[in-house]
Amino acid sequence: MDKTNAAVPSDELWSVFDFARRYRLEKREENRLLMLFGPYASAHELLTNARRHSLIS
């Protein structure tokens, strides 16, 4: 079986907007991801590059 045609789950494209809502990212972080990737990116790219600031100081 040729693996080049097989879909890899991490290659699934996500809306950056939906990703930010799901992971409760700040608007500033959402905008940073939009500037990096545009409106869509792979789940792997988003999870690797997202920064979630702690709500507890």
C-alpha atoms as a PDB file:
ATOM      1  CA  MET A   1       0.000   0.000   0.000  1.00  0.00           C
ATOM      2  CA  ASP A   2       1.324   3.415  -0.948  1.00  0.00           C
ATOM      3  CA  LYS A   3       1.383   5.669   2.122  1.00  0.00           C
ATOM      4  CA  THR A   4       1.770   8.891   0.118  1.00  0.00           C
ATOM      5  CA  ASN A   5      -1.979   8.906  -0.599  1.00  0.00           C
ATOM      6  CA  ALA A   6      -3.024   7.945   2.930  1.00  0.00           C
ATOM      7  CA  ALA A   7      -4.473  10.765   5.005  1.00  0.00           C
ATOM      8  CA  VAL A   8      -2.656  11.465   8.246  1.00  0.00           C
ATOM      9  CA  PRO A   9      -4.873  12.756  11.103  1.00  0.00           C
ATOM     10  CA  SER A  10      -2.345  15.475  11.998  1.00  0.00           C
ATOM     11  CA  ASP A  11      -2.683  16.855   8.447  1.00  0.00           C
ATOM     12  CA  GLU A  12      -6.327  17.702   9.088  1.00  0.00           C
ATOM     13  CA  LEU A  13      -6.893  21.427   8.579  1.00  0.00           C
ATOM     14  CA  TRP A  14      -8.500  23.405  11.367  1.00  0.00           C
ATOM     15  CA  SER A  15      -9.948  26.878  11.373  1.00  0.00           C
ATOM     16  CA  VAL A  16      -7.667  29.040  13.519  1.00  0.00           C
ATOM     17  CA  PHE A  17     -10.789  30.773  14.869  1.00  0.00           C
ATOM     18  CA  ASP A  18     -12.349  27.448  15.982  1.00  0.00           C
ATOM     19  CA  PHE A  19      -9.058  26.267  17.460  1.00  0.00           C
ATOM     20  CA  ALA A  20      -8.753  29.458  19.523  1.00  0.00           C
ATOM     21  CA  ARG A  21     -12.297  29.050  20.850  1.00  0.00           C
ATOM     22  CA  ARG A  22     -11.848  25.375  21.672  1.00  0.00           C
ATOM     23  CA  TYR A  23      -8.614  25.974  23.592  1.00  0.00           C
ATOM     24  CA  ARG A  24      -9.796  29.277  25.115  1.00  0.00           C
ATOM     25  CA  LEU A  25      -6.946  31.317  23.713  1.00  0.00           C
ATOM     26  CA  GLU A  26      -6.799  35.053  24.163  1.00  0.00           C
ATOM     27  CA  LYS A  27      -7.701  37.228  21.186  1.00  0.00           C
ATOM     28  CA  ARG A  28      -4.074  38.370  20.986  1.00  0.00           C
ATOM     29  CA  GLU A  29      -2.876  34.770  20.615  1.00  0.00           C
ATOM     30  CA  GLU A  30      -5.580  34.040  18.046  1.00  0.00           C
ATOM     31  CA  ASN A  31      -4.383  37.034  16.005  1.00  0.00           C
ATOM     32  CA  ARG A  32      -0.765  35.849  16.256  1.00  0.00           C
ATOM     33  CA  LEU A  33      -1.725  32.422  14.902  1.00  0.00           C
ATOM     34  CA  LEU A  34      -3.736  34.042  12.106  1.00  0.00           C
ATOM     35  CA  MET A  35      -0.693  36.085  11.106  1.00  0.00           C
ATOM     36  CA  LEU A  36       1.508  32.971  11.137  1.00  0.00           C
ATOM     37  CA  PHE A  37      -0.769  30.574   9.261  1.00  0.00           C
ATOM     38  CA  GLY A  38      -3.730  32.435   7.785  1.00  0.00           C
ATOM     39  CA  PRO A  39      -7.285  31.223   8.432  1.00  0.00           C
ATOM     40  CA  TYR A  40      -6.445  27.473   8.340  1.00  0.00           C
ATOM     41  CA  ALA A  41      -3.592  25.335   9.620  1.00  0.00           C
ATOM     42  CA  SER A  42      -2.946  21.720  10.479  1.00  0.00           C
ATOM     43  CA  ALA A  43      -3.802  20.558  13.973  1.00  0.00           C
ATOM     44  CA  HIS A  44      -0.147  19.727  14.564  1.00  0.00           C
ATOM     45  CA  GLU A  45       1.032  23.235  13.618  1.00  0.00           C
ATOM     46  CA  LEU A  46      -1.562  24.885  15.842  1.00  0.00           C
ATOM     47  CA  LEU A  47      -0.884  22.684  18.847  1.00  0.00           C
ATOM     48  CA  THR A  48       2.860  23.139  18.466  1.00  0.00           C
ATOM     49  CA  ASN A  49       2.782  26.922  18.098  1.00  0.00           C
ATOM     50  CA  ALA A  50      -0.056  28.014  20.380  1.00  0.00           C
ATOM     51  CA  ARG A  51       0.831  29.683  23.661  1.00  0.00           C
ATOM     52  CA  ARG A  52      -1.716  29.514  26.432  1.00  0.00           C
ATOM     53  CA  HIS A  53      -1.092  31.995  29.200  1.00  0.00           C
ATOM     54  CA  SER A  54      -1.927  30.932  32.716  1.00  0.00           C
ATOM     55  CA  LEU A  55      -5.058  32.426  34.215  1.00  0.00           C
ATOM     56  CA  ILE A  56      -3.541  32.122  37.700  1.00  0.00           C
ATOM     57  CA  SER A  57      -0.826  34.639  38.536  1.00  0.00           C
END
